[in-house]
């Protein structure tokens, strides 16, 4: 199994960015077209990506304004990455006037790293836009 790491600097505080990771209304501004989030250990993580693919798992750790960890997989019959089979950690580190966001996705099959890297780059760019007060527009990834 493989691990991918993506990092982006966003001109927003960890407190602002954290809300976009745990509030379903804010999550859909960047991370999908629908979201069901219960941000507590054992709580539901469900996000509809691009209006076509459900990512599902559960929150494993929630450390306000610092990090979230959730299990993740795709809710499609026969998918090689089933719901909850991988782990996503999003860590927030205050730096000057902004925040370094470090996303680590663990447990991916080697042949899925490229697709997931492209997906996370897409979504982290959208997170950057909305956390800085912009509008990322409709999510067309899918």
N, C-alpha and C. Protein backbone atom coordinates (compact mmCIF):
# COMPACT_ATOMS: atom_id res chain seq x y z
N UNK A 1 0.84 -1.19 0.00
CA UNK A 1 0.00 0.00 0.00
C UNK A 1 0.88 1.24 0.00
N UNK A 2 0.35 2.30 -0.55
CA UNK A 2 1.11 3.53 -0.72
C UNK A 2 0.51 4.68 0.09
N UNK A 3 1.30 5.73 0.15
CA UNK A 3 0.90 6.94 0.86
C UNK A 3 1.16 8.12 -0.06
N UNK A 4 0.22 9.07 -0.09
CA UNK A 4 0.48 10.29 -0.83
C UNK A 4 0.38 11.46 0.13
N UNK A 5 1.21 12.46 -0.11
CA UNK A 5 1.24 13.65 0.73
C UNK A 5 1.15 14.87 -0.17
N UNK A 6 0.25 15.76 0.16
CA UNK A 6 0.10 17.03 -0.57
C UNK A 6 0.13 18.14 0.48
N UNK A 7 0.73 19.25 0.12
CA UNK A 7 0.84 20.36 1.05
C UNK A 7 0.55 21.66 0.30
N UNK A 8 -0.20 22.55 0.96
CA UNK A 8 -0.53 23.82 0.36
C UNK A 8 -0.54 24.88 1.46
N UNK A 9 -0.10 26.08 1.13
CA UNK A 9 -0.17 27.21 2.06
C UNK A 9 -1.39 28.04 1.70
N UNK A 10 -2.21 28.35 2.71
CA UNK A 10 -3.43 29.13 2.50
C UNK A 10 -3.40 30.36 3.40
N UNK A 11 -3.68 31.50 2.82
CA UNK A 11 -3.75 32.75 3.59
C UNK A 11 -5.06 32.82 4.36
N UNK A 12 -5.16 31.98 5.38
CA UNK A 12 -6.30 31.94 6.29
C UNK A 12 -5.83 31.26 7.56
N UNK A 13 -6.51 31.52 8.66
CA UNK A 13 -6.12 30.93 9.93
C UNK A 13 -6.55 29.45 10.01
N UNK A 14 -5.90 28.69 10.87
CA UNK A 14 -6.34 27.30 11.07
C UNK A 14 -7.81 27.22 11.50
N UNK A 15 -8.26 28.18 12.30
CA UNK A 15 -9.65 28.19 12.76
C UNK A 15 -10.63 28.30 11.59
N UNK A 16 -10.32 29.15 10.63
CA UNK A 16 -11.17 29.31 9.46
C UNK A 16 -11.15 28.03 8.63
N UNK A 17 -9.98 27.51 8.36
CA UNK A 17 -9.86 26.32 7.51
C UNK A 17 -10.52 25.11 8.17
N UNK A 18 -10.36 24.96 9.48
CA UNK A 18 -10.93 23.82 10.18
C UNK A 18 -12.44 23.72 9.95
N UNK A 19 -13.13 24.85 9.97
CA UNK A 19 -14.58 24.85 9.77
C UNK A 19 -14.95 24.26 8.40
N UNK A 20 -14.10 24.47 7.41
CA UNK A 20 -14.36 23.91 6.08
C UNK A 20 -14.14 22.40 6.03
N UNK A 21 -13.51 21.85 7.06
CA UNK A 21 -13.27 20.41 7.12
C UNK A 21 -14.36 19.66 7.88
N UNK A 22 -15.12 20.39 8.72
CA UNK A 22 -16.08 19.70 9.61
C UNK A 22 -17.53 20.16 9.47
N UNK A 23 -17.76 21.31 8.87
CA UNK A 23 -19.13 21.83 8.72
C UNK A 23 -19.64 21.43 7.33
N UNK A 24 -20.70 20.60 7.26
CA UNK A 24 -21.17 20.13 5.95
C UNK A 24 -21.51 21.26 4.97
N UNK A 25 -22.09 22.35 5.45
CA UNK A 25 -22.45 23.46 4.56
C UNK A 25 -21.20 24.11 3.97
N UNK A 26 -20.13 24.20 4.75
CA UNK A 26 -18.88 24.78 4.25
C UNK A 26 -18.09 23.75 3.43
N UNK A 27 -18.18 22.48 3.80
CA UNK A 27 -17.45 21.44 3.09
C UNK A 27 -17.84 21.41 1.61
N UNK A 28 -19.13 21.54 1.34
CA UNK A 28 -19.58 21.45 -0.06
C UNK A 28 -19.17 22.67 -0.89
N UNK A 29 -18.66 23.70 -0.26
CA UNK A 29 -18.14 24.84 -1.03
C UNK A 29 -16.84 24.47 -1.74
N UNK A 30 -16.17 23.40 -1.27
CA UNK A 30 -14.89 23.01 -1.87
C UNK A 30 -14.76 21.51 -2.11
N UNK A 31 -15.37 20.68 -1.24
CA UNK A 31 -15.05 19.27 -1.23
C UNK A 31 -16.08 18.31 -1.77
N UNK A 32 -16.97 18.76 -2.60
CA UNK A 32 -17.97 17.87 -3.14
C UNK A 32 -19.29 18.60 -3.32
N UNK A 33 -20.29 17.88 -3.78
CA UNK A 33 -21.59 18.50 -4.03
C UNK A 33 -22.60 18.21 -2.94
N UNK A 34 -22.33 17.20 -2.12
CA UNK A 34 -23.14 16.89 -0.94
C UNK A 34 -22.19 16.38 0.13
N UNK A 35 -22.55 16.60 1.39
CA UNK A 35 -21.72 16.08 2.48
C UNK A 35 -22.58 15.77 3.69
N UNK A 36 -22.28 14.64 4.30
CA UNK A 36 -22.86 14.25 5.58
C UNK A 36 -21.66 14.05 6.50
N UNK A 37 -21.50 14.95 7.46
CA UNK A 37 -20.33 14.91 8.34
C UNK A 37 -20.78 14.95 9.79
N UNK A 38 -20.25 14.04 10.58
CA UNK A 38 -20.46 14.04 12.02
C UNK A 38 -19.06 14.01 12.63
N UNK A 39 -18.44 15.20 12.78
CA UNK A 39 -17.02 15.29 13.12
C UNK A 39 -16.69 14.97 14.57
N UNK A 40 -16.74 13.70 14.88
CA UNK A 40 -16.33 13.17 16.19
C UNK A 40 -15.85 11.75 15.94
N UNK A 41 -14.94 11.23 16.78
CA UNK A 41 -14.48 9.86 16.56
C UNK A 41 -15.66 8.90 16.45
N UNK A 42 -15.67 8.14 15.36
CA UNK A 42 -16.76 7.21 15.08
C UNK A 42 -17.89 7.82 14.28
N UNK A 43 -17.85 9.14 14.06
CA UNK A 43 -18.90 9.83 13.32
C UNK A 43 -18.76 9.64 11.82
N UNK A 44 -19.85 9.85 11.12
CA UNK A 44 -19.93 9.63 9.68
C UNK A 44 -19.14 10.65 8.87
N UNK A 45 -18.45 10.16 7.86
CA UNK A 45 -17.86 10.99 6.80
C UNK A 45 -18.44 10.47 5.49
N UNK A 46 -19.21 11.31 4.79
CA UNK A 46 -19.72 10.97 3.45
C UNK A 46 -19.67 12.23 2.60
N UNK A 47 -19.09 12.14 1.43
CA UNK A 47 -19.04 13.29 0.51
C UNK A 47 -19.24 12.79 -0.91
N UNK A 48 -20.12 13.47 -1.62
CA UNK A 48 -20.38 13.16 -3.03
C UNK A 48 -19.46 14.02 -3.88
N UNK A 49 -18.51 13.39 -4.53
CA UNK A 49 -17.51 14.10 -5.32
C UNK A 49 -18.01 14.33 -6.73
N UNK A 50 -18.03 15.57 -7.13
CA UNK A 50 -18.41 15.92 -8.49
C UNK A 50 -19.82 15.49 -8.87
N UNK A 51 -20.64 15.22 -7.87
CA UNK A 51 -22.02 14.80 -8.14
C UNK A 51 -22.15 13.37 -8.63
N UNK A 52 -21.04 12.60 -8.58
CA UNK A 52 -21.10 11.25 -9.15
C UNK A 52 -20.57 10.13 -8.25
N UNK A 53 -19.61 10.39 -7.39
CA UNK A 53 -18.96 9.32 -6.63
C UNK A 53 -19.00 9.63 -5.14
N UNK A 54 -19.58 8.71 -4.35
CA UNK A 54 -19.60 8.89 -2.90
C UNK A 54 -18.31 8.36 -2.28
N UNK A 55 -17.63 9.24 -1.54
CA UNK A 55 -16.53 8.83 -0.68
C UNK A 55 -17.09 8.62 0.72
N UNK A 56 -16.77 7.50 1.35
CA UNK A 56 -17.36 7.19 2.65
C UNK A 56 -16.32 6.64 3.62
N UNK A 57 -16.56 6.94 4.89
CA UNK A 57 -15.74 6.42 5.97
C UNK A 57 -16.27 6.96 7.28
N UNK A 58 -15.36 7.10 8.24
CA UNK A 58 -15.77 7.68 9.51
C UNK A 58 -14.62 8.50 10.08
N UNK A 59 -14.98 9.49 10.86
CA UNK A 59 -13.97 10.29 11.53
C UNK A 59 -13.28 9.44 12.58
N UNK A 60 -11.96 9.51 12.61
CA UNK A 60 -11.16 8.76 13.58
C UNK A 60 -10.61 9.68 14.66
N UNK A 61 -10.22 10.89 14.27
CA UNK A 61 -9.71 11.89 15.21
C UNK A 61 -10.17 13.26 14.76
N UNK A 62 -10.52 14.09 15.72
CA UNK A 62 -10.89 15.48 15.44
C UNK A 62 -10.23 16.33 16.52
N UNK A 63 -9.23 17.10 16.14
CA UNK A 63 -8.50 17.98 17.05
C UNK A 63 -8.75 19.40 16.56
N UNK A 64 -9.72 20.11 17.15
CA UNK A 64 -10.14 21.41 16.62
C UNK A 64 -8.98 22.34 16.29
N UNK A 65 -9.07 22.90 15.10
CA UNK A 65 -8.13 23.88 14.57
C UNK A 65 -6.72 23.32 14.34
N UNK A 66 -6.55 22.00 14.48
CA UNK A 66 -5.24 21.39 14.28
C UNK A 66 -5.24 20.28 13.23
N UNK A 67 -6.21 19.34 13.34
CA UNK A 67 -6.22 18.25 12.38
C UNK A 67 -7.50 17.43 12.48
N UNK A 68 -7.78 16.77 11.36
CA UNK A 68 -8.84 15.76 11.31
C UNK A 68 -8.26 14.53 10.63
N UNK A 69 -8.75 13.38 11.06
CA UNK A 69 -8.36 12.11 10.46
C UNK A 69 -9.64 11.33 10.23
N UNK A 70 -9.81 10.84 9.01
CA UNK A 70 -11.00 10.02 8.72
C UNK A 70 -10.62 8.86 7.81
N UNK A 71 -11.38 7.78 7.95
CA UNK A 71 -11.20 6.68 7.01
C UNK A 71 -11.95 7.05 5.74
N UNK A 72 -11.56 6.42 4.63
CA UNK A 72 -12.09 6.84 3.34
C UNK A 72 -12.05 5.68 2.35
N UNK A 73 -13.03 5.66 1.46
CA UNK A 73 -13.08 4.72 0.35
C UNK A 73 -14.27 5.08 -0.51
N UNK A 74 -14.46 4.34 -1.58
CA UNK A 74 -15.50 4.65 -2.56
C UNK A 74 -16.67 3.67 -2.42
N UNK A 75 -17.87 4.22 -2.34
CA UNK A 75 -19.09 3.43 -2.15
C UNK A 75 -19.64 2.95 -3.49
N UNK A 76 -18.86 2.14 -4.16
CA UNK A 76 -19.26 1.57 -5.45
C UNK A 76 -18.99 0.08 -5.40
N UNK A 77 -19.97 -0.74 -5.77
CA UNK A 77 -19.78 -2.19 -5.71
C UNK A 77 -18.52 -2.63 -6.46
N UNK A 78 -17.71 -3.43 -5.80
CA UNK A 78 -16.52 -3.97 -6.44
C UNK A 78 -15.34 -3.02 -6.55
N UNK A 79 -15.47 -1.78 -6.04
CA UNK A 79 -14.35 -0.84 -6.13
C UNK A 79 -13.17 -1.36 -5.32
N UNK A 80 -11.94 -1.26 -5.84
CA UNK A 80 -10.77 -1.77 -5.12
C UNK A 80 -10.43 -0.97 -3.85
N UNK A 81 -11.06 0.18 -3.67
CA UNK A 81 -10.85 0.98 -2.45
C UNK A 81 -12.22 1.15 -1.79
N UNK A 82 -12.67 0.15 -1.04
CA UNK A 82 -14.01 0.22 -0.44
C UNK A 82 -14.08 1.23 0.70
N UNK A 83 -15.30 1.64 1.07
CA UNK A 83 -15.47 2.61 2.16
C UNK A 83 -14.66 2.23 3.40
N UNK A 84 -13.98 3.23 3.94
CA UNK A 84 -13.24 3.04 5.18
C UNK A 84 -11.92 2.31 5.07
N UNK A 85 -11.47 1.97 3.87
CA UNK A 85 -10.27 1.14 3.72
C UNK A 85 -8.96 1.91 3.70
N UNK A 86 -9.01 3.24 3.57
CA UNK A 86 -7.80 4.06 3.60
C UNK A 86 -7.99 5.13 4.68
N UNK A 87 -6.93 5.87 4.96
CA UNK A 87 -6.99 6.91 6.00
C UNK A 87 -6.48 8.23 5.43
N UNK A 88 -7.25 9.29 5.70
CA UNK A 88 -6.87 10.64 5.28
C UNK A 88 -6.65 11.48 6.54
N UNK A 89 -5.49 12.11 6.60
CA UNK A 89 -5.18 13.04 7.69
C UNK A 89 -4.97 14.42 7.09
N UNK A 90 -5.64 15.41 7.66
CA UNK A 90 -5.44 16.79 7.23
C UNK A 90 -4.97 17.57 8.46
N UNK A 91 -3.71 18.00 8.40
CA UNK A 91 -3.10 18.72 9.52
C UNK A 91 -2.97 20.20 9.17
N UNK A 92 -3.23 21.05 10.14
CA UNK A 92 -3.18 22.50 9.96
C UNK A 92 -2.09 23.08 10.86
N UNK A 93 -1.16 23.84 10.28
CA UNK A 93 -0.08 24.45 11.05
C UNK A 93 -0.04 25.94 10.74
N UNK A 94 -0.31 26.76 11.75
CA UNK A 94 -0.25 28.21 11.58
C UNK A 94 1.17 28.61 11.19
N UNK A 95 1.24 29.51 10.22
CA UNK A 95 2.53 30.00 9.74
C UNK A 95 2.36 31.45 9.32
N UNK A 96 2.90 32.37 10.10
CA UNK A 96 2.76 33.79 9.76
C UNK A 96 1.30 34.18 9.69
N UNK A 97 0.89 34.70 8.53
CA UNK A 97 -0.50 35.15 8.36
C UNK A 97 -1.42 34.07 7.80
N UNK A 98 -0.89 32.87 7.65
CA UNK A 98 -1.70 31.81 7.05
C UNK A 98 -1.49 30.47 7.71
N UNK A 99 -1.76 29.42 6.93
CA UNK A 99 -1.72 28.06 7.44
C UNK A 99 -1.16 27.12 6.38
N UNK A 100 -0.27 26.25 6.80
CA UNK A 100 0.15 25.16 5.94
C UNK A 100 -0.81 24.00 6.18
N UNK A 101 -1.42 23.55 5.10
CA UNK A 101 -2.34 22.42 5.15
C UNK A 101 -1.59 21.23 4.56
N UNK A 102 -1.45 20.19 5.37
CA UNK A 102 -0.74 18.98 4.92
C UNK A 102 -1.72 17.82 4.93
N UNK A 103 -1.97 17.28 3.76
CA UNK A 103 -2.88 16.16 3.61
C UNK A 103 -2.06 14.89 3.35
N UNK A 104 -2.32 13.87 4.14
CA UNK A 104 -1.65 12.58 3.97
C UNK A 104 -2.73 11.53 3.79
N UNK A 105 -2.69 10.83 2.66
CA UNK A 105 -3.66 9.76 2.37
C UNK A 105 -2.89 8.45 2.39
N UNK A 106 -3.21 7.60 3.37
CA UNK A 106 -2.48 6.36 3.60
C UNK A 106 -3.32 5.14 3.20
N UNK A 107 -2.62 4.09 2.77
CA UNK A 107 -3.27 2.82 2.50
C UNK A 107 -3.83 2.66 1.10
N UNK A 108 -3.40 3.51 0.19
CA UNK A 108 -3.87 3.42 -1.19
C UNK A 108 -3.13 2.32 -1.96
N UNK A 109 -3.82 1.62 -2.84
CA UNK A 109 -3.11 0.73 -3.76
C UNK A 109 -2.15 1.58 -4.62
N UNK A 110 -1.00 1.03 -4.94
CA UNK A 110 0.01 1.76 -5.73
C UNK A 110 -0.58 2.36 -7.00
N UNK A 111 -1.43 1.60 -7.69
CA UNK A 111 -1.96 2.08 -8.96
C UNK A 111 -3.05 3.14 -8.81
N UNK A 112 -3.42 3.49 -7.58
CA UNK A 112 -4.45 4.52 -7.35
C UNK A 112 -3.85 5.85 -6.92
N UNK A 113 -2.54 5.90 -6.69
CA UNK A 113 -1.92 7.12 -6.19
C UNK A 113 -2.06 8.28 -7.17
N UNK A 114 -1.84 8.04 -8.44
CA UNK A 114 -1.92 9.11 -9.44
C UNK A 114 -3.29 9.75 -9.50
N UNK A 115 -4.33 8.94 -9.58
CA UNK A 115 -5.69 9.48 -9.62
C UNK A 115 -6.02 10.26 -8.36
N UNK A 116 -5.64 9.72 -7.21
CA UNK A 116 -5.97 10.39 -5.95
C UNK A 116 -5.12 11.65 -5.76
N UNK A 117 -3.90 11.65 -6.27
CA UNK A 117 -3.08 12.87 -6.20
C UNK A 117 -3.76 13.98 -7.00
N UNK A 118 -4.21 13.67 -8.20
CA UNK A 118 -4.93 14.66 -9.01
C UNK A 118 -6.20 15.14 -8.33
N UNK A 119 -6.92 14.22 -7.72
CA UNK A 119 -8.14 14.59 -7.00
C UNK A 119 -7.87 15.50 -5.83
N UNK A 120 -6.89 15.13 -5.00
CA UNK A 120 -6.59 15.98 -3.84
C UNK A 120 -6.01 17.33 -4.26
N UNK A 121 -5.22 17.38 -5.31
CA UNK A 121 -4.74 18.68 -5.79
C UNK A 121 -5.92 19.57 -6.19
N UNK A 122 -6.88 18.97 -6.88
CA UNK A 122 -8.09 19.69 -7.28
C UNK A 122 -8.83 20.24 -6.05
N UNK A 123 -9.05 19.38 -5.07
CA UNK A 123 -9.83 19.79 -3.91
C UNK A 123 -9.07 20.73 -2.98
N UNK A 124 -7.78 20.57 -2.83
CA UNK A 124 -7.01 21.51 -2.00
C UNK A 124 -6.96 22.89 -2.65
N UNK A 125 -6.90 22.95 -3.97
CA UNK A 125 -6.96 24.25 -4.65
C UNK A 125 -8.31 24.93 -4.39
N UNK A 126 -9.38 24.16 -4.41
CA UNK A 126 -10.71 24.69 -4.12
C UNK A 126 -10.81 25.15 -2.66
N UNK A 127 -10.23 24.37 -1.73
CA UNK A 127 -10.21 24.76 -0.32
C UNK A 127 -9.49 26.09 -0.15
N UNK A 128 -8.39 26.26 -0.83
CA UNK A 128 -7.63 27.50 -0.76
C UNK A 128 -8.48 28.70 -1.18
N UNK A 129 -9.24 28.54 -2.25
CA UNK A 129 -10.09 29.63 -2.74
C UNK A 129 -11.15 30.01 -1.71
N UNK A 130 -11.89 29.02 -1.20
CA UNK A 130 -12.99 29.34 -0.30
C UNK A 130 -12.51 29.81 1.07
N UNK A 131 -11.42 29.25 1.57
CA UNK A 131 -10.91 29.66 2.89
C UNK A 131 -10.42 31.10 2.87
N UNK A 132 -10.07 31.59 1.68
CA UNK A 132 -9.63 32.98 1.55
C UNK A 132 -10.78 33.91 1.16
N UNK A 133 -12.00 33.38 1.23
CA UNK A 133 -13.18 34.21 0.98
C UNK A 133 -13.70 34.19 -0.44
N UNK A 134 -13.14 33.36 -1.31
CA UNK A 134 -13.57 33.30 -2.70
C UNK A 134 -14.66 32.27 -2.93
N UNK A 135 -15.03 32.13 -4.19
CA UNK A 135 -16.04 31.15 -4.61
C UNK A 135 -15.35 30.20 -5.59
N UNK A 136 -15.28 28.93 -5.20
CA UNK A 136 -14.62 27.94 -6.05
C UNK A 136 -15.50 27.47 -7.20
N UNK A 137 -16.77 27.88 -7.21
CA UNK A 137 -17.68 27.46 -8.27
C UNK A 137 -18.11 26.04 -8.09
N UNK A 138 -18.96 25.54 -9.02
CA UNK A 138 -19.44 24.16 -8.91
C UNK A 138 -18.29 23.16 -9.05
N UNK A 139 -18.40 22.08 -8.29
CA UNK A 139 -17.40 21.01 -8.38
C UNK A 139 -17.71 20.14 -9.59
N UNK A 140 -16.82 20.13 -10.54
CA UNK A 140 -17.04 19.35 -11.76
C UNK A 140 -16.15 18.12 -11.84
N UNK A 141 -15.43 17.84 -10.74
CA UNK A 141 -14.57 16.65 -10.72
C UNK A 141 -15.49 15.44 -10.58
N UNK A 142 -15.20 14.40 -11.28
CA UNK A 142 -16.06 13.23 -11.11
C UNK A 142 -15.75 12.12 -12.04
